[in-house]
N, C-alpha and C. Protein backbone atom coordinates (compact mmCIF):
# COMPACT_ATOMS: atom_id res chain seq x y z
N MET A 1 0.84 -1.18 0.00
CA MET A 1 0.00 0.00 0.00
C MET A 1 0.88 1.25 0.00
N ARG A 2 0.69 2.09 -0.98
CA ARG A 2 1.48 3.32 -1.09
C ARG A 2 0.93 4.40 -0.17
N ARG A 3 1.83 5.06 0.51
CA ARG A 3 1.44 6.15 1.39
C ARG A 3 1.40 7.45 0.61
N SER A 4 0.63 8.38 1.12
CA SER A 4 0.64 9.72 0.51
C SER A 4 1.98 10.38 0.85
N LYS A 5 2.32 11.39 0.07
CA LYS A 5 3.57 12.10 0.29
C LYS A 5 3.61 12.69 1.71
N LYS A 6 2.52 13.29 2.12
CA LYS A 6 2.45 13.91 3.44
C LYS A 6 2.66 12.87 4.54
N GLU A 7 1.99 11.73 4.42
CA GLU A 7 2.12 10.67 5.41
C GLU A 7 3.56 10.12 5.44
N ARG A 8 4.12 9.90 4.24
CA ARG A 8 5.50 9.40 4.14
C ARG A 8 6.47 10.38 4.80
N GLN A 9 6.27 11.67 4.56
CA GLN A 9 7.18 12.67 5.12
C GLN A 9 7.06 12.75 6.64
N GLN A 10 5.85 12.57 7.16
CA GLN A 10 5.68 12.55 8.61
C GLN A 10 6.40 11.35 9.21
N LEU A 11 6.24 10.19 8.58
CA LEU A 11 6.92 8.98 9.05
C LEU A 11 8.43 9.10 8.90
N LEU A 12 8.86 9.71 7.81
CA LEU A 12 10.29 9.93 7.57
C LEU A 12 10.88 10.79 8.69
N THR A 13 10.20 11.87 9.03
CA THR A 13 10.66 12.76 10.10
C THR A 13 10.79 12.02 11.42
N SER A 14 9.78 11.25 11.78
CA SER A 14 9.83 10.54 13.07
C SER A 14 10.87 9.41 13.05
N THR A 15 11.03 8.76 11.90
CA THR A 15 12.04 7.70 11.78
C THR A 15 13.44 8.26 11.97
N ILE A 16 13.73 9.39 11.34
CA ILE A 16 15.06 10.01 11.46
C ILE A 16 15.26 10.56 12.87
N LYS A 17 14.21 11.06 13.48
CA LYS A 17 14.32 11.54 14.86
C LYS A 17 14.69 10.40 15.79
N ASP A 18 14.06 9.24 15.58
CA ASP A 18 14.35 8.05 16.39
C ASP A 18 15.74 7.48 16.11
N ASN A 19 16.18 7.55 14.85
CA ASN A 19 17.48 7.00 14.46
C ASN A 19 18.17 7.95 13.47
N PRO A 20 18.90 8.94 13.98
CA PRO A 20 19.53 9.91 13.08
C PRO A 20 20.62 9.30 12.19
N PHE A 21 21.05 8.06 12.49
CA PHE A 21 22.12 7.42 11.73
C PHE A 21 21.60 6.54 10.59
N ILE A 22 20.31 6.55 10.34
CA ILE A 22 19.74 5.73 9.28
C ILE A 22 20.12 6.33 7.92
N THR A 23 20.45 5.48 6.96
CA THR A 23 20.89 5.95 5.64
C THR A 23 19.70 6.20 4.73
N ASP A 24 19.94 6.98 3.68
CA ASP A 24 18.88 7.22 2.68
C ASP A 24 18.47 5.91 2.03
N GLU A 25 19.42 5.02 1.83
CA GLU A 25 19.12 3.72 1.20
C GLU A 25 18.18 2.90 2.08
N ASP A 26 18.45 2.90 3.40
CA ASP A 26 17.58 2.17 4.33
C ASP A 26 16.18 2.79 4.38
N LEU A 27 16.14 4.12 4.33
CA LEU A 27 14.84 4.81 4.32
C LEU A 27 14.06 4.49 3.05
N ALA A 28 14.75 4.47 1.93
CA ALA A 28 14.09 4.16 0.65
C ALA A 28 13.49 2.75 0.69
N GLU A 29 14.24 1.82 1.25
CA GLU A 29 13.75 0.44 1.36
C GLU A 29 12.56 0.37 2.31
N LYS A 30 12.67 1.06 3.43
CA LYS A 30 11.60 1.04 4.43
C LYS A 30 10.29 1.59 3.87
N PHE A 31 10.39 2.69 3.10
CA PHE A 31 9.18 3.33 2.58
C PHE A 31 8.86 2.91 1.14
N GLN A 32 9.65 2.00 0.59
CA GLN A 32 9.43 1.46 -0.76
C GLN A 32 9.34 2.55 -1.82
N VAL A 33 10.33 3.45 -1.76
CA VAL A 33 10.45 4.52 -2.75
C VAL A 33 11.92 4.59 -3.16
N SER A 34 12.22 5.41 -4.13
CA SER A 34 13.61 5.54 -4.57
C SER A 34 14.42 6.38 -3.59
N VAL A 35 15.73 6.22 -3.65
CA VAL A 35 16.63 7.03 -2.83
C VAL A 35 16.45 8.50 -3.17
N GLN A 36 16.25 8.79 -4.46
CA GLN A 36 16.05 10.17 -4.89
C GLN A 36 14.80 10.77 -4.24
N THR A 37 13.74 9.99 -4.10
CA THR A 37 12.52 10.47 -3.45
C THR A 37 12.80 10.82 -1.99
N ILE A 38 13.57 9.97 -1.32
CA ILE A 38 13.94 10.24 0.08
C ILE A 38 14.74 11.54 0.16
N ARG A 39 15.69 11.72 -0.76
CA ARG A 39 16.52 12.93 -0.75
C ARG A 39 15.66 14.18 -0.99
N LEU A 40 14.72 14.07 -1.89
CA LEU A 40 13.82 15.21 -2.15
C LEU A 40 12.95 15.51 -0.94
N ASP A 41 12.45 14.44 -0.30
CA ASP A 41 11.66 14.62 0.92
C ASP A 41 12.49 15.31 2.01
N ARG A 42 13.72 14.84 2.20
CA ARG A 42 14.60 15.45 3.21
C ARG A 42 14.84 16.92 2.90
N LEU A 43 15.06 17.22 1.62
CA LEU A 43 15.31 18.59 1.19
C LEU A 43 14.10 19.48 1.51
N GLU A 44 12.91 18.99 1.16
CA GLU A 44 11.67 19.73 1.45
C GLU A 44 11.47 19.96 2.94
N LEU A 45 11.85 18.95 3.74
CA LEU A 45 11.65 19.02 5.19
C LEU A 45 12.83 19.66 5.92
N SER A 46 13.83 20.08 5.15
CA SER A 46 15.07 20.66 5.72
C SER A 46 15.76 19.71 6.69
N ILE A 47 15.77 18.43 6.35
CA ILE A 47 16.48 17.43 7.14
C ILE A 47 17.83 17.21 6.46
N PRO A 48 18.92 17.41 7.19
CA PRO A 48 20.24 17.28 6.56
C PRO A 48 20.57 15.83 6.20
N GLU A 49 21.60 15.69 5.36
CA GLU A 49 22.06 14.36 4.97
C GLU A 49 22.69 13.66 6.16
N LEU A 50 22.90 12.36 6.03
CA LEU A 50 23.41 11.52 7.11
C LEU A 50 24.67 12.09 7.75
N ARG A 51 25.62 12.48 6.93
CA ARG A 51 26.90 13.00 7.45
C ARG A 51 26.68 14.18 8.39
N GLU A 52 25.83 15.11 8.00
CA GLU A 52 25.53 16.28 8.83
C GLU A 52 24.78 15.88 10.09
N ARG A 53 23.88 14.91 9.98
CA ARG A 53 23.14 14.44 11.16
C ARG A 53 24.09 13.81 12.17
N ILE A 54 25.03 13.00 11.69
CA ILE A 54 26.01 12.37 12.57
C ILE A 54 26.82 13.45 13.29
N LYS A 55 27.27 14.43 12.53
CA LYS A 55 28.09 15.50 13.09
C LYS A 55 27.31 16.27 14.16
N THR A 56 26.05 16.60 13.88
CA THR A 56 25.22 17.35 14.82
C THR A 56 24.99 16.56 16.09
N VAL A 57 24.65 15.28 15.95
CA VAL A 57 24.40 14.43 17.12
C VAL A 57 25.68 14.32 17.95
N ALA A 58 26.81 14.11 17.29
CA ALA A 58 28.08 13.97 18.00
C ALA A 58 28.43 15.25 18.74
N GLU A 59 28.25 16.39 18.08
CA GLU A 59 28.59 17.67 18.72
C GLU A 59 27.73 17.91 19.95
N LYS A 60 26.43 17.65 19.83
CA LYS A 60 25.53 17.86 20.98
C LYS A 60 25.88 16.90 22.10
N ARG A 61 26.16 15.67 21.74
CA ARG A 61 26.39 14.64 22.73
C ARG A 61 27.73 14.79 23.44
N PHE A 62 28.76 15.20 22.70
CA PHE A 62 30.10 15.17 23.24
C PHE A 62 30.66 16.52 23.65
N GLU A 63 29.94 17.63 23.35
CA GLU A 63 30.52 18.94 23.63
C GLU A 63 30.81 19.14 25.11
N ASP A 64 30.02 18.53 25.99
CA ASP A 64 30.27 18.67 27.43
C ASP A 64 31.16 17.56 27.97
N GLU A 65 31.37 16.50 27.17
CA GLU A 65 32.15 15.36 27.65
C GLU A 65 33.63 15.50 27.39
N VAL A 66 34.01 16.00 26.22
CA VAL A 66 35.43 16.12 25.89
C VAL A 66 35.99 17.30 26.67
N ARG A 67 36.98 17.03 27.53
CA ARG A 67 37.50 18.05 28.42
C ARG A 67 38.83 18.61 27.97
N SER A 68 39.64 17.80 27.27
CA SER A 68 41.03 18.15 27.03
C SER A 68 41.25 19.09 25.85
N LEU A 69 40.26 19.21 24.95
CA LEU A 69 40.37 20.13 23.83
C LEU A 69 38.98 20.40 23.26
N PRO A 70 38.81 21.55 22.61
CA PRO A 70 37.51 21.82 21.99
C PRO A 70 37.21 20.82 20.88
N LEU A 71 35.95 20.42 20.74
CA LEU A 71 35.56 19.44 19.72
C LEU A 71 36.01 19.83 18.33
N GLU A 72 35.97 21.13 18.02
CA GLU A 72 36.35 21.56 16.67
C GLU A 72 37.84 21.36 16.39
N GLU A 73 38.63 21.09 17.44
CA GLU A 73 40.05 20.83 17.25
C GLU A 73 40.36 19.35 17.05
N VAL A 74 39.37 18.49 17.21
CA VAL A 74 39.56 17.07 16.94
C VAL A 74 39.56 16.87 15.44
N ILE A 75 40.54 16.14 14.93
CA ILE A 75 40.59 15.84 13.51
C ILE A 75 39.70 14.62 13.27
N GLY A 76 38.71 14.77 12.41
CA GLY A 76 37.69 13.75 12.23
C GLY A 76 36.50 14.07 13.11
N GLU A 77 35.52 13.21 13.07
CA GLU A 77 34.30 13.41 13.86
C GLU A 77 34.17 12.31 14.89
N ILE A 78 34.12 12.70 16.15
CA ILE A 78 33.95 11.72 17.22
C ILE A 78 32.52 11.18 17.16
N ILE A 79 32.41 9.87 17.12
CA ILE A 79 31.07 9.26 17.11
C ILE A 79 30.79 8.47 18.38
N HIS A 80 31.84 8.26 19.19
CA HIS A 80 31.67 7.55 20.47
C HIS A 80 32.81 7.97 21.38
N ILE A 81 32.50 8.18 22.66
CA ILE A 81 33.58 8.45 23.62
C ILE A 81 33.14 8.07 25.02
N GLU A 82 34.01 7.39 25.73
CA GLU A 82 33.90 7.12 27.15
C GLU A 82 35.24 7.57 27.73
N LEU A 83 35.24 8.70 28.42
CA LEU A 83 36.48 9.28 28.90
C LEU A 83 37.29 8.30 29.74
N ASP A 84 38.60 8.34 29.50
CA ASP A 84 39.57 7.45 30.15
C ASP A 84 39.31 5.97 29.86
N GLN A 85 38.53 5.70 28.81
CA GLN A 85 38.30 4.31 28.42
C GLN A 85 38.52 4.11 26.92
N ASN A 86 37.61 4.65 26.09
CA ASN A 86 37.74 4.44 24.65
C ASN A 86 37.00 5.51 23.87
N ALA A 87 37.32 5.60 22.58
CA ALA A 87 36.67 6.58 21.71
C ALA A 87 36.82 6.12 20.26
N ILE A 88 35.92 6.63 19.42
CA ILE A 88 35.95 6.31 17.98
C ILE A 88 35.71 7.60 17.21
N SER A 89 36.47 7.77 16.13
CA SER A 89 36.23 8.92 15.24
C SER A 89 36.28 8.48 13.79
N ILE A 90 35.65 9.28 12.94
CA ILE A 90 35.60 9.03 11.50
C ILE A 90 36.27 10.20 10.80
N PHE A 91 37.10 9.89 9.81
CA PHE A 91 37.76 10.92 9.01
C PHE A 91 37.63 10.55 7.54
N ASP A 92 36.96 11.40 6.77
CA ASP A 92 36.80 11.18 5.33
C ASP A 92 37.92 11.91 4.60
N VAL A 93 38.68 11.16 3.81
CA VAL A 93 39.81 11.74 3.09
C VAL A 93 39.31 12.45 1.84
N LYS A 94 39.58 13.76 1.79
CA LYS A 94 39.13 14.60 0.68
C LYS A 94 40.33 15.10 -0.11
N LYS A 95 40.04 15.80 -1.18
CA LYS A 95 41.09 16.29 -2.08
C LYS A 95 42.16 17.11 -1.35
N GLU A 96 41.75 17.91 -0.37
CA GLU A 96 42.71 18.75 0.34
C GLU A 96 43.63 17.96 1.29
N HIS A 97 43.36 16.66 1.48
CA HIS A 97 44.17 15.83 2.37
C HIS A 97 45.18 14.96 1.63
N VAL A 98 45.18 14.99 0.30
CA VAL A 98 46.01 14.07 -0.48
C VAL A 98 47.06 14.80 -1.30
N PHE A 99 48.08 14.02 -1.72
CA PHE A 99 49.05 14.53 -2.69
C PHE A 99 48.36 14.58 -4.04
N ILE A 100 48.50 15.66 -4.75
CA ILE A 100 47.79 15.86 -6.03
C ILE A 100 48.17 14.81 -7.06
N ARG A 101 49.45 14.46 -7.14
CA ARG A 101 49.90 13.59 -8.23
C ARG A 101 49.47 12.13 -8.11
N ASN A 102 49.14 11.67 -6.86
CA ASN A 102 48.79 10.25 -6.74
C ASN A 102 47.56 9.97 -5.86
N ASN A 103 46.91 11.01 -5.35
CA ASN A 103 45.70 10.87 -4.52
C ASN A 103 45.89 10.03 -3.26
N ILE A 104 47.12 10.01 -2.75
CA ILE A 104 47.42 9.31 -1.50
C ILE A 104 47.37 10.34 -0.37
N ALA A 105 46.71 9.95 0.73
CA ALA A 105 46.58 10.86 1.88
C ALA A 105 47.94 11.20 2.46
N ARG A 106 48.10 12.45 2.81
CA ARG A 106 49.32 12.87 3.51
C ARG A 106 49.28 12.25 4.91
N GLY A 107 50.38 11.65 5.30
CA GLY A 107 50.44 10.91 6.57
C GLY A 107 50.08 11.73 7.78
N HIS A 108 50.38 13.04 7.75
CA HIS A 108 50.10 13.83 8.95
C HIS A 108 48.60 13.96 9.23
N HIS A 109 47.75 13.76 8.23
CA HIS A 109 46.30 13.81 8.49
C HIS A 109 45.85 12.55 9.23
N VAL A 110 46.36 11.40 8.82
CA VAL A 110 46.01 10.14 9.49
C VAL A 110 46.55 10.15 10.92
N PHE A 111 47.80 10.63 11.07
CA PHE A 111 48.38 10.75 12.40
C PHE A 111 47.58 11.73 13.26
N ALA A 112 47.21 12.87 12.69
CA ALA A 112 46.47 13.90 13.45
C ALA A 112 45.13 13.38 13.95
N GLN A 113 44.46 12.57 13.14
CA GLN A 113 43.19 11.98 13.60
C GLN A 113 43.45 11.12 14.84
N ALA A 114 44.45 10.24 14.76
CA ALA A 114 44.77 9.34 15.88
C ALA A 114 45.23 10.12 17.11
N ASN A 115 46.11 11.08 16.91
CA ASN A 115 46.66 11.85 18.02
C ASN A 115 45.58 12.69 18.71
N SER A 116 44.73 13.35 17.93
CA SER A 116 43.69 14.17 18.55
C SER A 116 42.66 13.30 19.28
N LEU A 117 42.43 12.08 18.78
CA LEU A 117 41.52 11.17 19.48
C LEU A 117 42.16 10.71 20.80
N ALA A 118 43.47 10.48 20.79
CA ALA A 118 44.18 10.10 22.03
C ALA A 118 44.10 11.23 23.05
N VAL A 119 44.15 12.47 22.61
CA VAL A 119 44.01 13.62 23.51
C VAL A 119 42.56 13.70 24.02
N ALA A 120 41.60 13.58 23.11
CA ALA A 120 40.18 13.75 23.47
C ALA A 120 39.69 12.73 24.49
N VAL A 121 40.23 11.51 24.45
CA VAL A 121 39.74 10.45 25.35
C VAL A 121 40.20 10.65 26.80
N ILE A 122 41.15 11.55 27.01
CA ILE A 122 41.67 11.80 28.36
C ILE A 122 40.68 12.65 29.16
N ASN A 123 40.34 12.18 30.35
CA ASN A 123 39.40 12.88 31.22
C ASN A 123 40.16 13.86 32.10
N ASP A 124 40.64 14.92 31.47
CA ASP A 124 41.42 15.92 32.18
C ASP A 124 41.42 17.20 31.36
N GLU A 125 41.61 18.32 32.04
CA GLU A 125 41.70 19.61 31.33
C GLU A 125 42.98 19.69 30.52
N LEU A 126 44.01 18.99 30.97
CA LEU A 126 45.30 19.02 30.30
C LEU A 126 45.64 17.64 29.77
N ALA A 127 45.89 17.54 28.49
CA ALA A 127 46.35 16.29 27.88
C ALA A 127 47.24 16.67 26.71
N LEU A 128 48.50 16.25 26.79
CA LEU A 128 49.47 16.54 25.75
C LEU A 128 50.22 15.25 25.39
N THR A 129 50.61 15.14 24.15
CA THR A 129 51.35 13.96 23.73
C THR A 129 52.79 14.06 24.22
N ALA A 130 53.22 13.08 25.01
CA ALA A 130 54.59 13.03 25.50
C ALA A 130 55.46 12.21 24.56
N LYS A 131 54.89 11.12 24.06
CA LYS A 131 55.65 10.21 23.21
C LYS A 131 54.66 9.41 22.36
N ALA A 132 55.07 9.09 21.13
CA ALA A 132 54.22 8.28 20.26
C ALA A 132 55.07 7.28 19.50
N ASN A 133 54.58 6.06 19.42
CA ASN A 133 55.21 5.02 18.61
C ASN A 133 54.16 4.64 17.56
N ILE A 134 54.39 5.02 16.31
CA ILE A 134 53.36 4.84 15.28
C ILE A 134 53.86 3.99 14.12
N GLN A 135 52.92 3.37 13.43
CA GLN A 135 53.22 2.62 12.22
C GLN A 135 52.09 2.82 11.22
N PHE A 136 52.47 3.19 10.00
CA PHE A 136 51.51 3.24 8.90
C PHE A 136 51.53 1.86 8.26
N LYS A 137 50.40 1.19 8.20
CA LYS A 137 50.33 -0.18 7.70
C LYS A 137 50.05 -0.26 6.20
N ARG A 138 49.32 0.73 5.67
CA ARG A 138 49.10 0.81 4.23
C ARG A 138 48.71 2.23 3.87
N LEU A 139 48.81 2.56 2.60
CA LEU A 139 48.45 3.89 2.13
C LEU A 139 46.95 4.11 2.26
N VAL A 140 46.58 5.34 2.55
CA VAL A 140 45.17 5.71 2.56
C VAL A 140 44.96 6.63 1.37
N LYS A 141 43.85 6.44 0.66
CA LYS A 141 43.63 7.16 -0.60
C LYS A 141 42.43 8.09 -0.54
N LEU A 142 42.35 8.94 -1.53
CA LEU A 142 41.25 9.87 -1.69
C LEU A 142 39.91 9.14 -1.60
N ASN A 143 38.95 9.74 -0.91
CA ASN A 143 37.58 9.25 -0.75
C ASN A 143 37.45 8.03 0.17
N GLU A 144 38.52 7.63 0.83
CA GLU A 144 38.39 6.54 1.80
C GLU A 144 37.98 7.13 3.15
N ARG A 145 37.30 6.32 3.93
CA ARG A 145 36.87 6.72 5.28
C ARG A 145 37.73 5.97 6.29
N VAL A 146 38.42 6.74 7.13
CA VAL A 146 39.29 6.17 8.16
C VAL A 146 38.54 6.18 9.48
N ILE A 147 38.43 5.02 10.09
CA ILE A 147 37.79 4.89 11.39
C ILE A 147 38.88 4.61 12.42
N ALA A 148 39.07 5.54 13.33
CA ALA A 148 40.10 5.40 14.37
C ALA A 148 39.43 5.01 15.68
N LYS A 149 40.06 4.05 16.37
CA LYS A 149 39.56 3.57 17.65
C LYS A 149 40.66 3.73 18.69
N ALA A 150 40.36 4.49 19.73
CA ALA A 150 41.32 4.71 20.82
C ALA A 150 40.90 3.91 22.04
N ARG A 151 41.90 3.36 22.72
CA ARG A 151 41.63 2.60 23.94
C ARG A 151 42.69 2.96 24.98
N VAL A 152 42.23 3.42 26.15
CA VAL A 152 43.15 3.73 27.24
C VAL A 152 43.61 2.40 27.83
N THR A 153 44.94 2.21 27.86
CA THR A 153 45.48 0.94 28.35
C THR A 153 46.09 1.05 29.75
N LYS A 154 46.45 2.27 30.16
CA LYS A 154 47.05 2.44 31.49
C LYS A 154 46.96 3.90 31.91
N ILE A 155 46.61 4.10 33.19
CA ILE A 155 46.61 5.44 33.78
C ILE A 155 47.54 5.40 34.98
N ASP A 156 48.57 6.23 34.95
CA ASP A 156 49.51 6.34 36.07
C ASP A 156 49.37 7.73 36.67
N GLY A 157 48.55 7.85 37.71
CA GLY A 157 48.29 9.13 38.34
C GLY A 157 49.50 9.73 39.01
N ASN A 158 50.41 8.89 39.52
CA ASN A 158 51.61 9.39 40.19
C ASN A 158 52.54 10.09 39.22
N LEU A 159 52.68 9.53 38.02
CA LEU A 159 53.55 10.13 37.00
C LEU A 159 52.80 11.15 36.14
N GLY A 160 51.47 11.14 36.23
CA GLY A 160 50.69 12.03 35.38
C GLY A 160 50.76 11.61 33.92
N ARG A 161 50.69 10.32 33.68
CA ARG A 161 50.77 9.77 32.32
C ARG A 161 49.61 8.79 32.07
N THR A 162 49.16 8.78 30.85
CA THR A 162 48.14 7.84 30.41
C THR A 162 48.61 7.23 29.10
N SER A 163 48.48 5.92 28.97
CA SER A 163 48.83 5.24 27.72
C SER A 163 47.54 5.00 26.92
N VAL A 164 47.59 5.36 25.64
CA VAL A 164 46.43 5.20 24.76
C VAL A 164 46.88 4.49 23.50
N GLU A 165 46.17 3.44 23.16
CA GLU A 165 46.43 2.69 21.92
C GLU A 165 45.39 3.11 20.89
N VAL A 166 45.84 3.48 19.69
CA VAL A 166 44.91 3.86 18.63
C VAL A 166 45.16 2.98 17.41
N THR A 167 44.08 2.43 16.88
CA THR A 167 44.15 1.66 15.63
C THR A 167 43.17 2.30 14.65
N SER A 168 43.63 2.43 13.40
CA SER A 168 42.80 3.05 12.37
C SER A 168 42.57 2.08 11.24
N PHE A 169 41.34 2.08 10.71
CA PHE A 169 40.93 1.12 9.70
C PHE A 169 40.26 1.81 8.52
N VAL A 170 40.40 1.21 7.35
CA VAL A 170 39.60 1.55 6.17
C VAL A 170 38.95 0.25 5.75
N ASN A 171 37.62 0.22 5.77
CA ASN A 171 36.88 -1.01 5.43
C ASN A 171 37.41 -2.23 6.17
N ASN A 172 37.58 -2.10 7.47
CA ASN A 172 38.06 -3.17 8.35
C ASN A 172 39.50 -3.60 8.08
N GLU A 173 40.23 -2.87 7.24
CA GLU A 173 41.64 -3.16 6.98
C GLU A 173 42.48 -2.19 7.81
N LEU A 174 43.39 -2.74 8.60
CA LEU A 174 44.25 -1.91 9.45
C LEU A 174 45.17 -1.05 8.59
N VAL A 175 45.15 0.27 8.83
CA VAL A 175 45.99 1.18 8.06
C VAL A 175 47.00 1.94 8.93
N PHE A 176 46.75 1.97 10.25
CA PHE A 176 47.61 2.75 11.14
C PHE A 176 47.49 2.21 12.55
N THR A 177 48.61 2.17 13.27
CA THR A 177 48.58 1.87 14.70
C THR A 177 49.44 2.89 15.42
N GLY A 178 49.05 3.21 16.63
CA GLY A 178 49.84 4.14 17.42
C GLY A 178 49.69 3.85 18.90
N GLU A 179 50.82 3.94 19.59
CA GLU A 179 50.82 3.86 21.05
C GLU A 179 51.25 5.24 21.53
N PHE A 180 50.35 5.91 22.22
CA PHE A 180 50.58 7.28 22.66
C PHE A 180 50.74 7.32 24.17
N GLU A 181 51.78 7.99 24.63
CA GLU A 181 51.94 8.26 26.05
C GLU A 181 51.57 9.72 26.24
N MET A 182 50.54 9.96 27.03
CA MET A 182 49.98 11.30 27.17
C MET A 182 50.29 11.88 28.56
N TYR A 183 50.71 13.16 28.57
CA TYR A 183 50.79 13.90 29.83
C TYR A 183 49.38 14.24 30.27
N ARG A 184 49.16 14.24 31.58
CA ARG A 184 47.91 14.70 32.16
C ARG A 184 48.21 15.20 33.57
N SER A 185 47.26 15.86 34.20
CA SER A 185 47.47 16.31 35.58
C SER A 185 47.73 15.09 36.46
N LYS A 186 48.55 15.26 37.48
CA LYS A 186 48.85 14.14 38.39
C LYS A 186 47.67 13.88 39.31
N ASN A 187 47.77 12.77 40.04
CA ASN A 187 46.77 12.37 41.05
C ASN A 187 45.40 12.07 40.45
N ARG A 188 45.36 11.41 39.34
CA ARG A 188 44.09 11.01 38.72
C ARG A 188 43.83 9.58 39.03
């Protein structure tokens, strides 16, 4: 049974409100319409695309949680964080992040995503990188999405140091690993 446009748009609005991470493809399947119809409906209703919805939800959710640096200084978009435990961020490689001649991502962008995530996961006003042991496992290319996962492995309050392990993936393939030793306030 086909729904009217008005009814579909009302259901679309409530569906996205309930699950802001739902894709246009999933919505099209759910409402048995084309992806283009979903995009037109979203446009009419002023509902942003998935990427913008993720960013908005993350900013609202994490703006009060991340203590060590402003969210806008994190490279990539934080999609999950539990302070002093773990965090996840997404970084989409665009033209401005790659070498022009071969479309390979400049290493400092991949490193910056991992390093800023290691800083963000620290539950302290002060978090600075003291030491890093990193390895690039494979090249990252234009239009790839890098998912970085940080995990706090040790907190030494007496020394004011926290160890954070970061692994970065493209389509479940390991592309980067880093062990970061972070300065933080003592007595944590």
